[in-house]
Amino acid sequence: MDEKPLAPGDVAPPGTPGTGENLCPRCGGTGRLDGKECWECEGTGKVIEGIGGG
């Protein structure tokens, strides 16, 4: 498979059941932190997180 590597802030690959895209909590969705690319989302401003509860 040709999957994109996970960013440090991702908990699962995109499309994994029970997950969804959210704004990066580290940079607030800007993709930048202190004038540099955010290391947690790798500059995308988005992370994949678990959704729901249980």
PDB file of N, CA and C in Angstrom:
ATOM      1  N   MET A   1       0.834  -1.195   0.000  1.00  0.00           N
ATOM      2  CA  MET A   1       0.000   0.000   0.000  1.00  0.00           C
ATOM      3  C   MET A   1       0.866   1.241   0.000  1.00  0.00           C
ATOM      4  N   ASP A   2       0.354   2.301  -0.577  1.00  0.00           N
ATOM      5  CA  ASP A   2       1.099   3.544  -0.694  1.00  0.00           C
ATOM      6  C   ASP A   2       0.487   4.589   0.236  1.00  0.00           C
ATOM      7  N   GLU A   3       0.620   4.382   1.559  1.00  0.00           N
ATOM      8  CA  GLU A   3       0.023   5.277   2.536  1.00  0.00           C
ATOM      9  C   GLU A   3       1.015   6.348   2.966  1.00  0.00           C
ATOM     10  N   LYS A   4       0.480   7.546   3.255  1.00  0.00           N
ATOM     11  CA  LYS A   4       1.291   8.638   3.764  1.00  0.00           C
ATOM     12  C   LYS A   4       1.681   8.310   5.202  1.00  0.00           C
ATOM     13  N   PRO A   5       2.940   8.547   5.584  1.00  0.00           N
ATOM     14  CA  PRO A   5       3.339   8.314   6.974  1.00  0.00           C
ATOM     15  C   PRO A   5       2.532   9.202   7.921  1.00  0.00           C
ATOM     16  N   LEU A   6       2.309   8.720   9.116  1.00  0.00           N
ATOM     17  CA  LEU A   6       1.565   9.479  10.105  1.00  0.00           C
ATOM     18  C   LEU A   6       2.398  10.644  10.629  1.00  0.00           C
ATOM     19  N   ALA A   7       1.740  11.764  10.890  1.00  0.00           N
ATOM     20  CA  ALA A   7       2.374  12.877  11.580  1.00  0.00           C
ATOM     21  C   ALA A   7       2.423  12.532  13.063  1.00  0.00           C
ATOM     22  N   PRO A   8       3.332  13.124  13.823  1.00  0.00           N
ATOM     23  CA  PRO A   8       3.414  12.813  15.254  1.00  0.00           C
ATOM     24  C   PRO A   8       2.096  12.985  16.006  1.00  0.00           C
ATOM     25  N   GLY A   9       1.233  13.910  15.577  1.00  0.00           N
ATOM     26  CA  GLY A   9      -0.037  14.136  16.261  1.00  0.00           C
ATOM     27  C   GLY A   9      -1.165  13.223  15.839  1.00  0.00           C
ATOM     28  N   ASP A  10      -0.955  12.400  14.810  1.00  0.00           N
ATOM     29  CA  ASP A  10      -1.988  11.479  14.330  1.00  0.00           C
ATOM     30  C   ASP A  10      -2.049  10.238  15.213  1.00  0.00           C
ATOM     31  N   VAL A  11      -3.274   9.751  15.451  1.00  0.00           N
ATOM     32  CA  VAL A  11      -3.424   8.509  16.220  1.00  0.00           C
ATOM     33  C   VAL A  11      -3.689   7.316  15.314  1.00  0.00           C
ATOM     34  N   ALA A  12      -4.010   7.575  14.036  1.00  0.00           N
ATOM     35  CA  ALA A  12      -4.301   6.507  13.083  1.00  0.00           C
ATOM     36  C   ALA A  12      -4.233   7.082  11.669  1.00  0.00           C
ATOM     37  N   PRO A  13      -4.134   6.224  10.661  1.00  0.00           N
ATOM     38  CA  PRO A  13      -4.155   6.708   9.273  1.00  0.00           C
ATOM     39  C   PRO A  13      -5.515   7.306   8.922  1.00  0.00           C
ATOM     40  N   PRO A  14      -5.553   8.266   7.986  1.00  0.00           N
ATOM     41  CA  PRO A  14      -6.828   8.828   7.541  1.00  0.00           C
ATOM     42  C   PRO A  14      -7.769   7.729   7.056  1.00  0.00           C
ATOM     43  N   GLY A  15      -9.050   7.872   7.391  1.00  0.00           N
ATOM     44  CA  GLY A  15     -10.054   6.912   6.963  1.00  0.00           C
ATOM     45  C   GLY A  15     -10.253   5.739   7.903  1.00  0.00           C
ATOM     46  N   THR A  16      -9.461   5.660   8.957  1.00  0.00           N
ATOM     47  CA  THR A  16      -9.622   4.582   9.922  1.00  0.00           C
ATOM     48  C   THR A  16     -10.960   4.748  10.642  1.00  0.00           C
ATOM     49  N   PRO A  17     -11.772   3.705  10.713  1.00  0.00           N
ATOM     50  CA  PRO A  17     -13.047   3.822  11.422  1.00  0.00           C
ATOM     51  C   PRO A  17     -12.836   4.302  12.862  1.00  0.00           C
ATOM     52  N   GLY A  18     -13.719   5.196  13.302  1.00  0.00           N
ATOM     53  CA  GLY A  18     -13.633   5.727  14.655  1.00  0.00           C
ATOM     54  C   GLY A  18     -12.683   6.893  14.805  1.00  0.00           C
ATOM     55  N   THR A  19     -12.184   7.411  13.663  1.00  0.00           N
ATOM     56  CA  THR A  19     -11.288   8.568  13.708  1.00  0.00           C
ATOM     57  C   THR A  19     -11.807   9.661  12.793  1.00  0.00           C
ATOM     58  N   GLY A  20     -11.272  10.859  12.982  1.00  0.00           N
ATOM     59  CA  GLY A  20     -11.638  11.978  12.125  1.00  0.00           C
ATOM     60  C   GLY A  20     -10.570  13.045  12.154  1.00  0.00           C
ATOM     61  N   GLU A  21     -10.654  13.950  11.224  1.00  0.00           N
ATOM     62  CA  GLU A  21      -9.704  15.040  11.109  1.00  0.00           C
ATOM     63  C   GLU A  21     -10.096  16.163  12.067  1.00  0.00           C
ATOM     64  N   ASN A  22      -9.121  16.753  12.733  1.00  0.00           N
ATOM     65  CA  ASN A  22      -9.360  17.845  13.652  1.00  0.00           C
ATOM     66  C   ASN A  22      -8.222  18.851  13.517  1.00  0.00           C
ATOM     67  N   LEU A  23      -8.439  20.056  14.024  1.00  0.00           N
ATOM     68  CA  LEU A  23      -7.368  21.044  14.043  1.00  0.00           C
ATOM     69  C   LEU A  23      -6.269  20.588  14.984  1.00  0.00           C
ATOM     70  N   CYS A  24      -5.053  20.856  14.617  1.00  0.00           N
ATOM     71  CA  CYS A  24      -3.912  20.507  15.450  1.00  0.00           C
ATOM     72  C   CYS A  24      -3.977  21.312  16.751  1.00  0.00           C
ATOM     73  N   PRO A  25      -3.945  20.645  17.898  1.00  0.00           N
ATOM     74  CA  PRO A  25      -4.021  21.360  19.161  1.00  0.00           C
ATOM     75  C   PRO A  25      -2.748  22.159  19.466  1.00  0.00           C
ATOM     76  N   ARG A  26      -1.639  21.794  18.872  1.00  0.00           N
ATOM     77  CA  ARG A  26      -0.375  22.470  19.140  1.00  0.00           C
ATOM     78  C   ARG A  26      -0.324  23.841  18.459  1.00  0.00           C
ATOM     79  N   CYS A  27      -0.709  23.907  17.175  1.00  0.00           N
ATOM     80  CA  CYS A  27      -0.604  25.168  16.428  1.00  0.00           C
ATOM     81  C   CYS A  27      -1.950  25.829  16.186  1.00  0.00           C
ATOM     82  N   GLY A  28      -3.031  25.193  16.621  1.00  0.00           N
ATOM     83  CA  GLY A  28      -4.363  25.760  16.439  1.00  0.00           C
ATOM     84  C   GLY A  28      -4.850  25.737  15.005  1.00  0.00           C
ATOM     85  N   GLY A  29      -4.247  24.897  14.180  1.00  0.00           N
ATOM     86  CA  GLY A  29      -4.675  24.758  12.796  1.00  0.00           C
ATOM     87  C   GLY A  29      -3.933  25.633  11.805  1.00  0.00           C
ATOM     88  N   THR A  30      -2.942  26.390  12.268  1.00  0.00           N
ATOM     89  CA  THR A  30      -2.193  27.266  11.359  1.00  0.00           C
ATOM     90  C   THR A  30      -1.094  26.529  10.603  1.00  0.00           C
ATOM     91  N   GLY A  31      -0.614  25.443  11.182  1.00  0.00           N
ATOM     92  CA  GLY A  31       0.500  24.716  10.572  1.00  0.00           C
ATOM     93  C   GLY A  31       1.848  25.319  10.904  1.00  0.00           C
ATOM     94  N   ARG A  32       1.850  26.417  11.653  1.00  0.00           N
ATOM     95  CA  ARG A  32       3.088  27.127  11.995  1.00  0.00           C
ATOM     96  C   ARG A  32       3.181  27.289  13.510  1.00  0.00           C
ATOM     97  N   LEU A  33       4.394  27.272  14.020  1.00  0.00           N
ATOM     98  CA  LEU A  33       4.660  27.439  15.434  1.00  0.00           C
ATOM     99  C   LEU A  33       5.986  28.178  15.572  1.00  0.00           C
ATOM    100  N   ASP A  34       5.956  29.344  16.186  1.00  0.00           N
ATOM    101  CA  ASP A  34       7.162  30.164  16.350  1.00  0.00           C
ATOM    102  C   ASP A  34       7.869  30.420  15.014  1.00  0.00           C
ATOM    103  N   GLY A  35       7.080  30.668  13.964  1.00  0.00           N
ATOM    104  CA  GLY A  35       7.644  30.978  12.653  1.00  0.00           C
ATOM    105  C   GLY A  35       8.166  29.783  11.881  1.00  0.00           C
ATOM    106  N   LYS A  36       7.961  28.583  12.408  1.00  0.00           N
ATOM    107  CA  LYS A  36       8.434  27.364  11.740  1.00  0.00           C
ATOM    108  C   LYS A  36       7.261  26.412  11.535  1.00  0.00           C
ATOM    109  N   GLU A  37       7.491  25.387  10.716  1.00  0.00           N
ATOM    110  CA  GLU A  37       6.472  24.361  10.501  1.00  0.00           C
ATOM    111  C   GLU A  37       6.198  23.647  11.823  1.00  0.00           C
ATOM    112  N   CYS A  38       4.930  23.476  12.148  1.00  0.00           N
ATOM    113  CA  CYS A  38       4.553  22.772  13.377  1.00  0.00           C
ATOM    114  C   CYS A  38       5.008  21.315  13.284  1.00  0.00           C
ATOM    115  N   TRP A  39       5.696  20.853  14.305  1.00  0.00           N
ATOM    116  CA  TRP A  39       6.214  19.484  14.284  1.00  0.00           C
ATOM    117  C   TRP A  39       5.117  18.454  14.526  1.00  0.00           C
ATOM    118  N   GLU A  40       4.043  18.847  15.196  1.00  0.00           N
ATOM    119  CA  GLU A  40       3.011  17.866  15.539  1.00  0.00           C
ATOM    120  C   GLU A  40       2.141  17.488  14.330  1.00  0.00           C
ATOM    121  N   CYS A  41       1.800  18.466  13.500  1.00  0.00           N
ATOM    122  CA  CYS A  41       0.962  18.181  12.325  1.00  0.00           C
ATOM    123  C   CYS A  41       1.768  18.207  11.028  1.00  0.00           C
ATOM    124  N   GLU A  42       3.055  18.462  11.135  1.00  0.00           N
ATOM    125  CA  GLU A  42       3.960  18.566   9.990  1.00  0.00           C
ATOM    126  C   GLU A  42       3.511  19.648   9.005  1.00  0.00           C
ATOM    127  N   GLY A  43       2.964  20.741   9.559  1.00  0.00           N
ATOM    128  CA  GLY A  43       2.615  21.899   8.741  1.00  0.00           C
ATOM    129  C   GLY A  43       1.255  21.862   8.089  1.00  0.00           C
ATOM    130  N   THR A  44       0.471  20.810   8.291  1.00  0.00           N
ATOM    131  CA  THR A  44      -0.839  20.729   7.647  1.00  0.00           C
ATOM    132  C   THR A  44      -1.914  21.466   8.436  1.00  0.00           C
ATOM    133  N   GLY A  45      -1.701  21.638   9.737  1.00  0.00           N
ATOM    134  CA  GLY A  45      -2.713  22.253  10.595  1.00  0.00           C
ATOM    135  C   GLY A  45      -3.794  21.280  11.028  1.00  0.00           C
ATOM    136  N   LYS A  46      -3.647  20.008  10.636  1.00  0.00           N
ATOM    137  CA  LYS A  46      -4.666  18.998  10.937  1.00  0.00           C
ATOM    138  C   LYS A  46      -4.023  17.745  11.512  1.00  0.00           C
ATOM    139  N   VAL A  47      -4.762  17.069  12.380  1.00  0.00           N
ATOM    140  CA  VAL A  47      -4.341  15.779  12.915  1.00  0.00           C
ATOM    141  C   VAL A  47      -5.527  14.817  12.836  1.00  0.00           C
ATOM    142  N   ILE A  48      -5.241  13.533  12.847  1.00  0.00           N
ATOM    143  CA  ILE A  48      -6.276  12.502  12.865  1.00  0.00           C
ATOM    144  C   ILE A  48      -6.433  12.039  14.312  1.00  0.00           C
ATOM    145  N   GLU A  49      -7.638  12.157  14.845  1.00  0.00           N
ATOM    146  CA  GLU A  49      -7.901  11.804  16.239  1.00  0.00           C
ATOM    147  C   GLU A  49      -9.053  10.816  16.333  1.00  0.00           C
ATOM    148  N   GLY A  50      -9.118  10.146  17.464  1.00  0.00           N
ATOM    149  CA  GLY A  50     -10.257   9.281  17.751  1.00  0.00           C
ATOM    150  C   GLY A  50     -11.493  10.137  18.007  1.00  0.00           C
ATOM    151  N   ILE A  51     -12.647   9.650  17.569  1.00  0.00           N
ATOM    152  CA  ILE A  51     -13.898  10.379  17.797  1.00  0.00           C
ATOM    153  C   ILE A  51     -14.844   9.506  18.600  1.00  0.00           C
ATOM    154  N   GLY A  52     -15.847  10.143  19.139  1.00  0.00           N
ATOM    155  CA  GLY A  52     -16.838   9.393  19.916  1.00  0.00           C
ATOM    156  C   GLY A  52     -16.302   9.113  21.313  1.00  0.00           C
ATOM    157  N   GLY A  53     -16.953   8.291  21.987  1.00  0.00           N
ATOM    158  CA  GLY A  53     -16.546   7.939  23.348  1.00  0.00           C
ATOM    159  C   GLY A  53     -16.971   6.523  23.644  1.00  0.00           C
ATOM    160  N   GLY A  54     -16.595   6.126  24.782  1.00  0.00           N
ATOM    161  CA  GLY A  54     -17.062   4.789  25.063  1.00  0.00           C
ATOM    162  C   GLY A  54     -16.365   4.107  26.114  1.00  0.00           C
TER     163      GLY A  54
END
